[in-house]
Amino acid sequence: MAGNERIAVIGGTGKLGAAIARRLAKAGRAVVIGSRSAESAQAKATELGFGLTGMSNADAAQAGDVIIVTVPFDSQDTTLAGIKPYVAGKLVVDTTVPLVPPRVMRVQLPAEGSAAVRTRNALGDGVRIVSAFHSVAGHKLITDKDIECDVLVFGDDKADRQIVVELADAMGLRGIHGGALVNSAAAEALTSILIFINKTYQVDGAGIRITGELIQPDA
C-alpha cells in the first residue's frame, strides 16, 4: 500500500471508528469519517482534528479507496446495503463483532459462521473483504498511549491482508496475518470472551498478544 490512498471509516463517530480514524490520520493517512448524518460526521472530524473530514456513509464509501466498516452488529445489514453501490473493486475492512445483547459475554456467531462472511455475502463478488480490529478497545485506542495489543487480520487474499496489517502497524498496534476470511470466526468469538474477562477480573479493556518470535512472511 503506497500510503496515499484515502481511507473511509464507516460508522466513524462511534468509539472504535473514531479511534481508528484518529490514529490513522495522526499517522499521516488521508481519512474521511462517515456517519448516517453528514453533520455528525463533520462535527466528530473537527473534534478529532489531524485533517479529518466528515460526510455521510454513502459519500465516504464513494470517496474512499479502503473502506473500514465499524458499526454494531445490529446495524450491519442496513449499513452494508447503504454503501454497496460504492465499493465495487475496493478493499472493505470489516470490524463487526456479532454481539447480541443482553448476553454479550456469550459467543453467538451468526448462521453464516461469522460477521465477516455475512459482509462478503452482502456486498457480493468484486469486493475485496478483510476483517480485523475485533479485540481492540476503542476507548484505549483513542488515546495517545501505547497499546500492547495484536490485531489478527483475516482474508482470502494475502496482499489485501498485508494492506491491513500495515494499517494496524501505522496505528501503533501489531498486525498479524490470521489466515482465510472464515478464520475471522475465532477473533469474533474471542471478543465475547474478552468482555467476560474484563468483568471477571476488572480489566480495563483486555486485549490479546501472540507469543513467540514472529518471522515476517514473504510479500
Protein backbone atom coordinates (compact mmCIF):
# COMPACT_ATOMS: atom_id res chain seq x y z
CA MET A 1 0.00 0.00 0.00
CA ALA A 2 1.50 3.28 -1.07
CA GLY A 3 0.09 5.20 1.87
CA ASN A 4 -1.67 7.87 -0.21
CA GLU A 5 -4.97 6.06 -0.61
CA ARG A 6 -7.96 7.69 1.06
CA ILE A 7 -9.40 5.67 3.91
CA ALA A 8 -13.11 5.91 4.71
CA VAL A 9 -14.20 4.87 8.20
CA ILE A 10 -17.88 3.96 8.05
CA GLY A 11 -19.57 4.49 11.40
CA GLY A 12 -16.65 6.72 12.30
CA THR A 13 -18.49 8.61 15.03
CA GLY A 14 -18.59 5.50 17.23
CA LYS A 15 -15.88 4.65 19.74
CA LEU A 16 -13.90 2.21 17.60
CA GLY A 17 -14.41 4.08 14.34
CA ALA A 18 -13.35 7.42 15.80
CA ALA A 19 -10.29 5.84 17.40
CA ILE A 20 -9.20 4.14 14.16
CA ALA A 21 -9.77 7.33 12.16
CA ARG A 22 -7.79 9.45 14.62
CA ARG A 23 -4.85 7.04 14.81
CA LEU A 24 -4.59 6.73 11.03
CA ALA A 25 -4.95 10.47 10.46
CA LYS A 26 -2.32 11.17 13.11
CA ALA A 27 -0.03 8.75 11.24
CA GLY A 28 -0.39 10.92 8.15
CA ARG A 29 -3.04 8.99 6.26
CA ALA A 30 -5.87 10.70 4.38
CA VAL A 31 -9.01 9.70 6.29
CA VAL A 32 -12.66 10.60 5.98
CA ILE A 33 -15.24 9.80 8.68
CA GLY A 34 -18.62 8.51 7.56
CA SER A 35 -21.85 8.51 9.56
CA ARG A 36 -25.57 8.29 8.95
CA SER A 37 -25.56 12.06 9.44
CA ALA A 38 -23.02 14.10 7.48
CA GLU A 39 -23.29 16.84 10.10
CA SER A 40 -22.42 14.43 12.91
CA ALA A 41 -19.51 13.09 10.90
CA GLN A 42 -18.10 16.55 10.27
CA ALA A 43 -18.53 17.52 13.92
CA LYS A 44 -16.60 14.43 15.01
CA ALA A 45 -13.90 15.11 12.42
CA THR A 46 -13.49 18.66 13.70
CA GLU A 47 -13.34 17.40 17.27
CA LEU A 48 -10.64 14.83 16.50
CA GLY A 49 -8.51 17.07 14.28
CA PHE A 50 -5.48 15.83 12.29
CA GLY A 51 -7.05 16.92 9.00
CA LEU A 52 -10.02 14.58 9.25
CA THR A 53 -13.15 15.34 7.23
CA GLY A 54 -16.69 14.03 7.62
CA MET A 55 -19.57 13.12 5.34
CA SER A 56 -22.40 10.63 5.04
CA ASN A 57 -21.59 6.92 4.99
CA ALA A 58 -22.52 6.67 1.32
CA ASP A 59 -20.41 9.66 0.32
CA ALA A 60 -17.49 8.42 2.42
CA ALA A 61 -17.67 4.97 0.80
CA GLN A 62 -17.70 6.59 -2.63
CA ALA A 63 -14.71 8.80 -1.76
CA GLY A 64 -12.59 6.12 -0.11
CA ASP A 65 -10.17 3.63 -1.63
CA VAL A 66 -10.07 1.50 1.52
CA ILE A 67 -13.34 1.23 3.45
CA ILE A 68 -13.30 0.32 7.15
CA VAL A 69 -16.73 -0.66 8.49
CA THR A 70 -17.04 -0.03 12.24
CA VAL A 71 -20.70 -0.45 13.15
CA PRO A 72 -22.53 -2.60 15.71
CA PHE A 73 -23.81 -5.99 14.60
CA ASP A 74 -27.43 -4.84 14.67
CA SER A 75 -26.59 -2.09 12.16
CA GLN A 76 -24.53 -4.30 9.85
CA ASP A 77 -27.18 -5.16 7.25
CA THR A 78 -28.50 -1.62 6.87
CA THR A 79 -25.03 -0.09 6.70
CA LEU A 80 -23.73 -2.54 4.11
CA ALA A 81 -26.82 -2.04 1.94
CA GLY A 82 -26.19 1.70 2.02
CA ILE A 83 -22.57 1.51 0.87
CA LYS A 84 -22.85 -1.43 -1.54
CA PRO A 85 -23.28 0.74 -4.68
CA TYR A 86 -19.95 2.47 -3.98
CA VAL A 87 -17.50 -0.27 -3.02
CA ALA A 88 -17.09 -2.41 -6.14
CA GLY A 89 -13.43 -3.30 -6.60
CA LYS A 90 -12.44 -1.69 -3.30
CA LEU A 91 -10.95 -3.18 -0.16
CA VAL A 92 -13.55 -3.34 2.63
CA VAL A 93 -12.26 -4.00 6.14
CA ASP A 94 -14.96 -5.38 8.41
CA THR A 95 -14.61 -4.96 12.18
CA THR A 96 -18.07 -6.25 13.08
CA VAL A 97 -18.42 -8.44 16.14
CA PRO A 98 -21.67 -10.44 16.46
CA LEU A 99 -22.61 -9.30 19.96
CA VAL A 100 -26.26 -9.93 20.77
CA PRO A 101 -27.44 -8.13 23.93
CA PRO A 102 -28.02 -8.81 26.69
CA ARG A 103 -25.73 -11.88 26.59
CA VAL A 104 -22.67 -10.21 25.12
CA MET A 105 -20.35 -12.40 27.21
CA ARG A 106 -21.55 -15.50 25.34
CA VAL A 107 -20.33 -16.40 21.87
CA GLN A 108 -23.22 -16.07 19.41
CA LEU A 109 -21.89 -16.42 15.89
CA PRO A 110 -24.41 -15.93 13.04
CA ALA A 111 -25.68 -18.74 10.84
CA GLU A 112 -23.14 -17.80 8.14
CA GLY A 113 -20.33 -18.65 10.55
CA SER A 114 -19.03 -15.12 11.10
CA ALA A 115 -19.92 -11.48 10.65
CA ALA A 116 -17.14 -11.23 8.07
CA VAL A 117 -18.75 -13.87 5.86
CA ARG A 118 -22.06 -12.02 6.23
CA THR A 119 -20.30 -8.92 4.93
CA ARG A 120 -18.88 -10.81 1.96
CA ASN A 121 -22.31 -12.22 1.15
CA ALA A 122 -23.98 -8.82 1.49
CA LEU A 123 -21.53 -6.94 -0.73
CA GLY A 124 -21.18 -9.67 -3.34
CA ASP A 125 -18.49 -10.50 -5.87
CA GLY A 126 -15.98 -7.87 -6.85
CA VAL A 127 -15.48 -6.50 -3.34
CA ARG A 128 -12.29 -7.46 -1.51
CA ILE A 129 -13.11 -8.36 2.10
CA VAL A 130 -10.70 -8.42 5.03
CA SER A 131 -11.66 -8.49 8.71
CA ALA A 132 -9.68 -7.10 11.63
CA PHE A 133 -9.69 -4.95 14.81
CA HIS A 134 -12.07 -7.22 16.74
CA SER A 135 -10.23 -7.21 20.05
CA VAL A 136 -9.03 -3.60 20.33
CA ALA A 137 -10.74 -1.41 22.94
CA GLY A 138 -11.86 1.83 21.28
CA HIS A 139 -11.64 3.86 24.49
CA LYS A 140 -7.95 2.94 24.80
CA LEU A 141 -7.16 3.34 21.11
CA ILE A 142 -8.50 6.91 21.08
CA THR A 143 -5.69 7.95 23.43
CA ASP A 144 -2.03 8.53 22.58
CA LYS A 145 -0.88 5.78 24.92
CA ASP A 146 0.96 2.70 23.69
CA ILE A 147 -1.38 -0.28 23.50
CA GLU A 148 0.08 -3.75 23.88
CA CYS A 149 -2.39 -5.42 21.57
CA ASP A 150 -2.10 -7.54 18.45
CA VAL A 151 -4.58 -7.29 15.60
CA LEU A 152 -5.44 -10.53 13.83
CA VAL A 153 -6.17 -9.92 10.15
CA PHE A 154 -8.23 -12.33 8.07
CA GLY A 155 -8.86 -12.51 4.35
CA ASP A 156 -8.59 -14.83 1.39
CA ASP A 157 -6.02 -12.68 -0.41
CA LYS A 158 -2.61 -12.33 1.23
CA ALA A 159 -1.85 -8.97 -0.42
CA ASP A 160 -5.10 -7.50 0.86
CA ARG A 161 -4.37 -8.78 4.35
CA GLN A 162 -0.94 -7.17 4.18
CA ILE A 163 -2.50 -3.79 3.48
CA VAL A 164 -4.49 -4.04 6.71
CA VAL A 165 -1.51 -5.40 8.65
CA GLU A 166 0.36 -2.26 7.61
CA LEU A 167 -2.55 -0.05 8.68
CA ALA A 168 -2.57 -1.70 12.11
CA ASP A 169 1.18 -1.14 12.38
CA ALA A 170 0.74 2.53 11.43
CA MET A 171 -1.73 2.86 14.30
CA GLY A 172 0.88 1.70 16.79
CA LEU A 173 -0.52 -1.82 17.07
CA ARG A 174 0.89 -5.04 15.62
CA GLY A 175 -0.93 -6.56 12.69
CA ILE A 176 -0.68 -10.32 12.28
CA HIS A 177 -1.92 -12.49 9.41
CA GLY A 178 -4.64 -14.81 10.70
CA GLY A 179 -5.41 -16.69 7.51
CA ALA A 180 -8.57 -17.09 5.45
CA LEU A 181 -11.68 -14.98 5.99
CA VAL A 182 -13.56 -17.89 7.56
CA ASN A 183 -10.99 -17.83 10.39
CA SER A 184 -12.47 -14.49 11.43
CA ALA A 185 -14.97 -16.52 13.47
CA ALA A 186 -12.24 -17.18 16.04
CA ALA A 187 -11.49 -13.50 16.67
CA GLU A 188 -15.15 -12.52 16.61
CA ALA A 189 -15.91 -15.18 19.22
CA LEU A 190 -12.91 -14.12 21.30
CA THR A 191 -14.41 -10.66 21.79
CA SER A 192 -17.20 -12.07 23.95
CA ILE A 193 -14.56 -13.90 25.99
CA LEU A 194 -12.57 -10.69 26.44
CA ILE A 195 -15.71 -8.92 27.67
CA PHE A 196 -16.17 -11.72 30.18
CA ILE A 197 -12.54 -11.39 31.28
CA ASN A 198 -12.96 -7.62 31.66
CA LYS A 199 -15.86 -8.12 34.03
CA THR A 200 -14.49 -11.10 35.94
CA TYR A 201 -11.01 -9.69 36.51
CA GLN A 202 -11.92 -5.97 36.45
CA VAL A 203 -9.69 -5.31 33.43
CA ASP A 204 -9.97 -2.01 31.56
CA GLY A 205 -10.11 -3.38 28.03
CA ALA A 206 -8.30 -6.72 27.82
CA GLY A 207 -6.56 -7.44 24.51
CA ILE A 208 -4.50 -10.24 23.01
CA ARG A 209 -0.79 -10.80 22.36
CA ILE A 210 0.72 -13.57 20.26
CA THR A 211 3.82 -15.01 21.92
CA GLY A 212 6.96 -16.25 20.19
CA GLU A 213 9.35 -14.62 17.77
CA LEU A 214 7.44 -13.95 14.57
CA ILE A 215 9.30 -14.01 11.26
CA GLN A 216 7.51 -11.79 8.78
CA PRO A 217 6.05 -13.72 5.83
CA ASP A 218 7.29 -13.04 2.32
CA ALA A 219 5.31 -10.42 0.46
